[in-house]
C-alpha atoms as a PDB file:
ATOM      1  CA  UNK A   1      40.891 -41.340  24.613  1.00  0.00           C
ATOM      2  CA  UNK A   2      44.553 -42.249  24.916  1.00  0.00           C
ATOM      3  CA  UNK A   3      47.163 -40.818  22.992  1.00  0.00           C
ATOM      4  CA  UNK A   4      48.832 -44.200  21.771  1.00  0.00           C
ATOM      5  CA  UNK A   5      46.409 -47.185  20.866  1.00  0.00           C
ATOM      6  CA  UNK A   6      46.182 -49.586  23.701  1.00  0.00           C
ATOM      7  CA  UNK A   7      48.951 -52.305  23.503  1.00  0.00           C
ATOM      8  CA  UNK A   8      46.131 -55.112  23.554  1.00  0.00           C
ATOM      9  CA  UNK A   9      44.411 -54.155  20.486  1.00  0.00           C
ATOM     10  CA  UNK A  10      43.271 -57.122  18.845  1.00  0.00           C
ATOM     11  CA  UNK A  11      40.286 -58.938  17.158  1.00  0.00           C
ATOM     12  CA  UNK A  12      37.859 -58.439  14.239  1.00  0.00           C
ATOM     13  CA  UNK A  13      37.191 -54.725  13.569  1.00  0.00           C
ATOM     14  CA  UNK A  14      37.551 -51.750  11.186  1.00  0.00           C
ATOM     15  CA  UNK A  15      39.530 -48.932  10.390  1.00  0.00           C
ATOM     16  CA  UNK A  16      37.174 -45.868  10.180  1.00  0.00           C
ATOM     17  CA  UNK A  17      38.396 -42.772   8.537  1.00  0.00           C
ATOM     18  CA  UNK A  18      36.474 -39.335   7.899  1.00  0.00           C
ATOM     19  CA  UNK A  19      38.174 -36.657   5.809  1.00  0.00           C
ATOM     20  CA  UNK A  20      38.021 -33.419   4.121  1.00  0.00           C
ATOM     21  CA  UNK A  21      40.294 -31.407   1.744  1.00  0.00           C
ATOM     22  CA  UNK A  22      41.582 -28.809   3.753  1.00  0.00           C
ATOM     23  CA  UNK A  23      43.298 -27.018   0.642  1.00  0.00           C
ATOM     24  CA  UNK A  24      41.158 -26.872  -1.981  1.00  0.00           C
ATOM     25  CA  UNK A  25      43.067 -23.945  -3.752  1.00  0.00           C
ATOM     26  CA  UNK A  26      45.840 -26.565  -4.188  1.00  0.00           C
ATOM     27  CA  UNK A  27      44.301 -29.904  -4.541  1.00  0.00           C
ATOM     28  CA  UNK A  28      40.896 -30.674  -6.448  1.00  0.00           C
ATOM     29  CA  UNK A  29      38.572 -33.712  -5.601  1.00  0.00           C
ATOM     30  CA  UNK A  30      39.724 -35.407  -8.738  1.00  0.00           C
ATOM     31  CA  UNK A  31      43.310 -35.619  -7.762  1.00  0.00           C
ATOM     32  CA  UNK A  32      42.352 -36.464  -4.112  1.00  0.00           C
ATOM     33  CA  UNK A  33      40.468 -39.394  -5.088  1.00  0.00           C
ATOM     34  CA  UNK A  34      43.002 -40.478  -7.698  1.00  0.00           C
ATOM     35  CA  UNK A  35      45.769 -40.647  -4.865  1.00  0.00           C
ATOM     36  CA  UNK A  36      43.108 -42.518  -2.439  1.00  0.00           C
ATOM     37  CA  UNK A  37      42.324 -44.963  -5.140  1.00  0.00           C
ATOM     38  CA  UNK A  38      45.318 -45.666  -7.331  1.00  0.00           C
ATOM     39  CA  UNK A  39      48.178 -44.742  -4.648  1.00  0.00           C
ATOM     40  CA  UNK A  40      47.048 -45.064  -0.892  1.00  0.00           C
ATOM     41  CA  UNK A  41      44.325 -47.748  -0.755  1.00  0.00           C
ATOM     42  CA  UNK A  42      46.397 -49.685  -3.535  1.00  0.00           C
ATOM     43  CA  UNK A  43      49.093 -49.758  -1.376  1.00  0.00           C
ATOM     44  CA  UNK A  44      47.086 -50.651   1.729  1.00  0.00           C
ATOM     45  CA  UNK A  45      45.895 -53.523   0.152  1.00  0.00           C
ATOM     46  CA  UNK A  46      49.331 -54.998  -0.419  1.00  0.00           C
ATOM     47  CA  UNK A  47      50.015 -55.042   3.317  1.00  0.00           C
ATOM     48  CA  UNK A  48      48.655 -58.625   4.286  1.00  0.00           C
ATOM     49  CA  UNK A  49      46.660 -56.902   7.054  1.00  0.00           C
ATOM     50  CA  UNK A  50      43.921 -55.556   5.016  1.00  0.00           C
ATOM     51  CA  UNK A  51      42.433 -57.204   2.075  1.00  0.00           C
ATOM     52  CA  UNK A  52      39.082 -54.840   1.507  1.00  0.00           C
ATOM     53  CA  UNK A  53      38.354 -51.203   1.312  1.00  0.00           C
ATOM     54  CA  UNK A  54      35.213 -48.886   0.529  1.00  0.00           C
ATOM     55  CA  UNK A  55      35.147 -45.244  -0.100  1.00  0.00           C
ATOM     56  CA  UNK A  56      31.753 -43.255   0.586  1.00  0.00           C
ATOM     57  CA  UNK A  57      30.404 -39.798   0.044  1.00  0.00           C
ATOM     58  CA  UNK A  58      28.061 -38.165   2.691  1.00  0.00           C
ATOM     59  CA  UNK A  59      24.679 -37.713   0.736  1.00  0.00           C
ATOM     60  CA  UNK A  60      24.399 -34.138   1.969  1.00  0.00           C
ATOM     61  CA  UNK A  61      27.757 -33.325   1.207  1.00  0.00           C
ATOM     62  CA  UNK A  62      27.146 -30.706  -1.720  1.00  0.00           C
ATOM     63  CA  UNK A  63      24.267 -29.000   0.296  1.00  0.00           C
ATOM     64  CA  UNK A  64      24.711 -24.949   0.340  1.00  0.00           C
ATOM     65  CA  UNK A  65      22.584 -24.174   3.118  1.00  0.00           C
ATOM     66  CA  UNK A  66      24.950 -24.823   5.934  1.00  0.00           C
ATOM     67  CA  UNK A  67      24.048 -28.198   6.840  1.00  0.00           C
ATOM     68  CA  UNK A  68      26.887 -30.018   4.411  1.00  0.00           C
ATOM     69  CA  UNK A  69      28.870 -32.136   6.885  1.00  0.00           C
ATOM     70  CA  UNK A  70      32.407 -31.048   7.943  1.00  0.00           C
ATOM     71  CA  UNK A  71      33.955 -34.351   7.030  1.00  0.00           C
ATOM     72  CA  UNK A  72      31.879 -35.382   4.052  1.00  0.00           C
ATOM     73  CA  UNK A  73      34.391 -38.443   2.771  1.00  0.00           C
ATOM     74  CA  UNK A  74      34.427 -41.943   4.407  1.00  0.00           C
ATOM     75  CA  UNK A  75      36.613 -44.847   3.963  1.00  0.00           C
ATOM     76  CA  UNK A  76      36.378 -48.284   5.744  1.00  0.00           C
ATOM     77  CA  UNK A  77      38.831 -50.957   6.219  1.00  0.00           C
ATOM     78  CA  UNK A  78      37.633 -54.127   7.642  1.00  0.00           C
ATOM     79  CA  UNK A  79      40.170 -56.528   9.196  1.00  0.00           C
ATOM     80  CA  UNK A  80      40.345 -60.028  10.841  1.00  0.00           C
ATOM     81  CA  UNK A  81      42.351 -58.688  13.483  1.00  0.00           C
ATOM     82  CA  UNK A  82      42.878 -54.985  14.729  1.00  0.00           C
ATOM     83  CA  UNK A  83      46.641 -55.945  16.095  1.00  0.00           C
ATOM     84  CA  UNK A  84      47.560 -55.236  12.630  1.00  0.00           C
ATOM     85  CA  UNK A  85      47.479 -51.493  13.136  1.00  0.00           C
ATOM     86  CA  UNK A  86      50.215 -51.900  15.861  1.00  0.00           C
ATOM     87  CA  UNK A  87      52.508 -53.258  13.451  1.00  0.00           C
ATOM     88  CA  UNK A  88      55.559 -51.689  11.583  1.00  0.00           C
ATOM     89  CA  UNK A  89      53.976 -52.547   8.412  1.00  0.00           C
ATOM     90  CA  UNK A  90      50.853 -50.431   8.983  1.00  0.00           C
ATOM     91  CA  UNK A  91      52.932 -47.426  10.369  1.00  0.00           C
ATOM     92  CA  UNK A  92      55.168 -47.506   7.402  1.00  0.00           C
ATOM     93  CA  UNK A  93      52.383 -46.941   4.864  1.00  0.00           C
ATOM     94  CA  UNK A  94      53.211 -44.211   2.746  1.00  0.00           C
ATOM     95  CA  UNK A  95      51.569 -40.532   3.217  1.00  0.00           C
ATOM     96  CA  UNK A  96      53.556 -38.453   0.757  1.00  0.00           C
ATOM     97  CA  UNK A  97      52.859 -39.274  -2.879  1.00  0.00           C
ATOM     98  CA  UNK A  98      53.838 -37.569  -6.204  1.00  0.00           C
ATOM     99  CA  UNK A  99      50.303 -37.840  -7.167  1.00  0.00           C
ATOM    100  CA  UNK A 100      49.724 -34.952  -4.508  1.00  0.00           C
ATOM    101  CA  UNK A 101      50.462 -31.395  -5.073  1.00  0.00           C
ATOM    102  CA  UNK A 102      52.727 -29.101  -2.957  1.00  0.00           C
ATOM    103  CA  UNK A 103      54.734 -31.104  -0.569  1.00  0.00           C
ATOM    104  CA  UNK A 104      52.800 -34.267  -1.693  1.00  0.00           C
ATOM    105  CA  UNK A 105      52.222 -34.869   1.912  1.00  0.00           C
ATOM    106  CA  UNK A 106      48.297 -35.915   2.410  1.00  0.00           C
ATOM    107  CA  UNK A 107      48.039 -34.337   6.085  1.00  0.00           C
ATOM    108  CA  UNK A 108      48.933 -31.033   4.455  1.00  0.00           C
ATOM    109  CA  UNK A 109      46.124 -31.060   2.324  1.00  0.00           C
ATOM    110  CA  UNK A 110      43.384 -32.853   4.296  1.00  0.00           C
ATOM    111  CA  UNK A 111      41.809 -33.031   7.904  1.00  0.00           C
ATOM    112  CA  UNK A 112      41.472 -36.845   8.794  1.00  0.00           C
ATOM    113  CA  UNK A 113      39.819 -38.181  11.865  1.00  0.00           C
ATOM    114  CA  UNK A 114      40.573 -41.943  12.352  1.00  0.00           C
ATOM    115  CA  UNK A 115      38.823 -44.532  14.485  1.00  0.00           C
ATOM    116  CA  UNK A 116      39.853 -47.880  15.513  1.00  0.00           C
ATOM    117  CA  UNK A 117      36.681 -50.126  16.152  1.00  0.00           C
ATOM    118  CA  UNK A 118      36.071 -53.494  17.374  1.00  0.00           C
ATOM    119  CA  UNK A 119      33.340 -55.595  15.837  1.00  0.00           C
ATOM    120  CA  UNK A 120      30.762 -56.586  18.555  1.00  0.00           C
ATOM    121  CA  UNK A 121      28.003 -57.975  16.451  1.00  0.00           C
ATOM    122  CA  UNK A 122      26.916 -59.013  13.178  1.00  0.00           C
ATOM    123  CA  UNK A 123      22.842 -59.039  12.293  1.00  0.00           C
ATOM    124  CA  UNK A 124      22.459 -60.412   8.783  1.00  0.00           C
ATOM    125  CA  UNK A 125      18.806 -60.379   8.037  1.00  0.00           C
ATOM    126  CA  UNK A 126      18.752 -59.768   4.216  1.00  0.00           C
ATOM    127  CA  UNK A 127      15.461 -61.698   3.855  1.00  0.00           C
ATOM    128  CA  UNK A 128      13.741 -59.556   6.418  1.00  0.00           C
ATOM    129  CA  UNK A 129      13.149 -56.321   4.203  1.00  0.00           C
ATOM    130  CA  UNK A 130      13.645 -55.140   0.721  1.00  0.00           C
ATOM    131  CA  UNK A 131      17.162 -53.665   0.142  1.00  0.00           C
ATOM    132  CA  UNK A 132      18.195 -54.435   3.651  1.00  0.00           C
ATOM    133  CA  UNK A 133      21.280 -56.301   3.770  1.00  0.00           C
ATOM    134  CA  UNK A 134      22.895 -56.543   7.195  1.00  0.00           C
ATOM    135  CA  UNK A 135      23.807 -54.406  10.535  1.00  0.00           C
ATOM    136  CA  UNK A 136      27.431 -54.462  12.089  1.00  0.00           C
ATOM    137  CA  UNK A 137      28.113 -53.138  15.296  1.00  0.00           C
ATOM    138  CA  UNK A 138      31.302 -52.018  16.618  1.00  0.00           C
ATOM    139  CA  UNK A 139      32.931 -50.274  19.844  1.00  0.00           C
ATOM    140  CA  UNK A 140      35.619 -47.615  19.805  1.00  0.00           C
ATOM    141  CA  UNK A 141      39.217 -48.943  20.830  1.00  0.00           C
ATOM    142  CA  UNK A 142      41.060 -45.671  19.790  1.00  0.00           C
ATOM    143  CA  UNK A 143      40.707 -42.447  17.648  1.00  0.00           C
ATOM    144  CA  UNK A 144      43.411 -39.933  16.236  1.00  0.00           C
ATOM    145  CA  UNK A 145      43.236 -36.570  14.826  1.00  0.00           C
ATOM    146  CA  UNK A 146      45.104 -35.201  11.890  1.00  0.00           C
ATOM    147  CA  UNK A 147      48.005 -33.784  14.421  1.00  0.00           C
ATOM    148  CA  UNK A 148      47.919 -37.182  16.069  1.00  0.00           C
ATOM    149  CA  UNK A 149      48.317 -38.869  12.905  1.00  0.00           C
ATOM    150  CA  UNK A 150      51.375 -36.578  11.755  1.00  0.00           C
ATOM    151  CA  UNK A 151      52.987 -37.529  15.210  1.00  0.00           C
ATOM    152  CA  UNK A 152      52.238 -41.368  14.570  1.00  0.00           C
ATOM    153  CA  UNK A 153      54.153 -40.994  11.534  1.00  0.00           C
ATOM    154  CA  UNK A 154      57.147 -39.130  12.952  1.00  0.00           C
ATOM    155  CA  UNK A 155      56.271 -35.859  11.198  1.00  0.00           C
ATOM    156  CA  UNK A 156      56.386 -32.211  12.511  1.00  0.00           C
ATOM    157  CA  UNK A 157      53.051 -31.519  14.296  1.00  0.00           C
ATOM    158  CA  UNK A 158      51.090 -28.406  13.119  1.00  0.00           C
ATOM    159  CA  UNK A 159      48.376 -28.684  15.690  1.00  0.00           C
ATOM    160  CA  UNK A 160      47.783 -29.845  19.178  1.00  0.00           C
ATOM    161  CA  UNK A 161      48.423 -33.578  19.308  1.00  0.00           C
ATOM    162  CA  UNK A 162      46.987 -33.746  22.643  1.00  0.00           C
ATOM    163  CA  UNK A 163      43.348 -33.497  21.548  1.00  0.00           C
ATOM    164  CA  UNK A 164      42.053 -36.373  19.893  1.00  0.00           C
ATOM    165  CA  UNK A 165      38.734 -36.493  17.965  1.00  0.00           C
ATOM    166  CA  UNK A 166      35.564 -37.434  19.964  1.00  0.00           C
ATOM    167  CA  UNK A 167      33.985 -40.024  17.577  1.00  0.00           C
ATOM    168  CA  UNK A 168      30.829 -42.197  18.844  1.00  0.00           C
ATOM    169  CA  UNK A 169      31.582 -44.857  21.661  1.00  0.00           C
ATOM    170  CA  UNK A 170      29.361 -47.247  19.724  1.00  0.00           C
ATOM    171  CA  UNK A 171      29.007 -47.425  16.019  1.00  0.00           C
ATOM    172  CA  UNK A 172      26.480 -49.130  14.065  1.00  0.00           C
ATOM    173  CA  UNK A 173      26.586 -49.813  10.330  1.00  0.00           C
ATOM    174  CA  UNK A 174      23.303 -50.576   8.564  1.00  0.00           C
ATOM    175  CA  UNK A 175      23.842 -51.756   4.829  1.00  0.00           C
ATOM    176  CA  UNK A 176      21.438 -51.522   1.939  1.00  0.00           C
ATOM    177  CA  UNK A 177      21.541 -52.640  -1.530  1.00  0.00           C
ATOM    178  CA  UNK A 178      19.120 -49.318  -2.569  1.00  0.00           C
ATOM    179  CA  UNK A 179      19.367 -45.747  -2.603  1.00  0.00           C
ATOM    180  CA  UNK A 180      18.787 -43.914   0.727  1.00  0.00           C
ATOM    181  CA  UNK A 181      15.875 -42.082  -0.454  1.00  0.00           C
ATOM    182  CA  UNK A 182      13.848 -45.137  -1.369  1.00  0.00           C
ATOM    183  CA  UNK A 183      14.380 -46.614   2.314  1.00  0.00           C
ATOM    184  CA  UNK A 184      11.506 -46.572   4.541  1.00  0.00           C
ATOM    185  CA  UNK A 185      12.963 -45.101   8.052  1.00  0.00           C
ATOM    186  CA  UNK A 186      10.177 -46.573   9.989  1.00  0.00           C
ATOM    187  CA  UNK A 187      10.531 -50.243   8.419  1.00  0.00           C
ATOM    188  CA  UNK A 188      14.351 -49.917   9.009  1.00  0.00           C
ATOM    189  CA  UNK A 189      13.971 -49.292  12.462  1.00  0.00           C
ATOM    190  CA  UNK A 190      11.947 -52.369  13.271  1.00  0.00           C
ATOM    191  CA  UNK A 191      14.346 -54.551  11.242  1.00  0.00           C
ATOM    192  CA  UNK A 192      17.187 -53.308  13.296  1.00  0.00           C
ATOM    193  CA  UNK A 193      15.919 -52.771  16.822  1.00  0.00           C
ATOM    194  CA  UNK A 194      17.030 -55.300  19.338  1.00  0.00           C
ATOM    195  CA  UNK A 195      17.792 -55.608  23.270  1.00  0.00           C
ATOM    196  CA  UNK A 196      21.262 -54.829  22.468  1.00  0.00           C
ATOM    197  CA  UNK A 197      20.055 -51.695  20.725  1.00  0.00           C
ATOM    198  CA  UNK A 198      17.711 -50.626  23.301  1.00  0.00           C
ATOM    199  CA  UNK A 199      20.528 -51.013  26.008  1.00  0.00           C
ATOM    200  CA  UNK A 200      23.149 -48.810  24.137  1.00  0.00           C
ATOM    201  CA  UNK A 201      20.445 -46.208  23.265  1.00  0.00           C
ATOM    202  CA  UNK A 202      19.177 -46.145  26.850  1.00  0.00           C
ATOM    203  CA  UNK A 203      22.481 -44.863  28.067  1.00  0.00           C
ATOM    204  CA  UNK A 204      23.549 -42.489  25.119  1.00  0.00           C
ATOM    205  CA  UNK A 205      23.970 -38.993  25.680  1.00  0.00           C
ATOM    206  CA  UNK A 206      23.872 -38.356  22.011  1.00  0.00           C
ATOM    207  CA  UNK A 207      23.022 -40.120  18.664  1.00  0.00           C
ATOM    208  CA  UNK A 208      24.119 -39.497  15.373  1.00  0.00           C
ATOM    209  CA  UNK A 209      23.025 -40.313  12.071  1.00  0.00           C
ATOM    210  CA  UNK A 210      24.944 -40.137   8.661  1.00  0.00           C
ATOM    211  CA  UNK A 211      24.034 -41.548   5.334  1.00  0.00           C
ATOM    212  CA  UNK A 212      26.762 -42.407   3.043  1.00  0.00           C
ATOM    213  CA  UNK A 213      26.881 -43.683  -0.588  1.00  0.00           C
ATOM    214  CA  UNK A 214      29.461 -46.259  -1.491  1.00  0.00           C
ATOM    215  CA  UNK A 215      31.460 -44.765  -4.527  1.00  0.00           C
ATOM    216  CA  UNK A 216      34.236 -47.292  -4.769  1.00  0.00           C
ATOM    217  CA  UNK A 217      35.100 -50.914  -3.431  1.00  0.00           C
ATOM    218  CA  UNK A 218      38.398 -52.297  -3.669  1.00  0.00           C
ATOM    219  CA  UNK A 219      39.971 -55.657  -2.838  1.00  0.00           C
ATOM    220  CA  UNK A 220      38.224 -58.803  -1.690  1.00  0.00           C
ATOM    221  CA  UNK A 221      34.827 -57.353  -0.615  1.00  0.00           C
ATOM    222  CA  UNK A 222      35.112 -59.161   2.619  1.00  0.00           C
ATOM    223  CA  UNK A 223      32.459 -57.275   5.024  1.00  0.00           C
ATOM    224  CA  UNK A 224      32.047 -59.817   7.879  1.00  0.00           C
ATOM    225  CA  UNK A 225      29.680 -61.956   5.467  1.00  0.00           C
ATOM    226  CA  UNK A 226      28.616 -64.983   7.579  1.00  0.00           C
ATOM    227  CA  UNK A 227      30.638 -63.983  10.565  1.00  0.00           C
ATOM    228  CA  UNK A 228      29.228 -65.160  14.000  1.00  0.00           C
ATOM    229  CA  UNK A 229      29.659 -63.175  17.217  1.00  0.00           C
END
């Protein structure tokens, strides 16, 4: 993946942000989420390029058997045009905050992996299955690591900024209006199976399945409802 996002980045898509607290000795979850909700996302929604956001917890984040995810927190930001991510308004979003302890720099307290994904499909079949809302599919355009995010903001880099994260090339998000434990995985597979799915899965080297619970929604709640691709 290139060190800088492509200059022709455009079209509908999402900003996909996975994170973990790297300094639990300095910052606790309550402070981290207060910064995320009341400071960081609140500012993002004033930029004019992003009007909705969701924060999620991985359902296995509290496991103690060694299977807990390395990046248990996920934030998603849908956009009408990913070109906004190339703008000065996006670059100038603050990463220092009085809410955070120590240096107040978020990258000193957390590890963050960021992906820019283009929307390629919206499949709205809510009437087809209990609790199933829709499926959206995306293709990776660009990714950056914590070190690369520091460089992106013009900050000193404390890691190898030449090594980006390796997120999935293709991303599929299935949305449900009920707890994941109540879902029938066989029925879900039938609902979401398409020719496109078979084509992508057929050439996939690895498949990663994660289940997240929405814990906070912000803004207009605009998640490509009714969008035709």
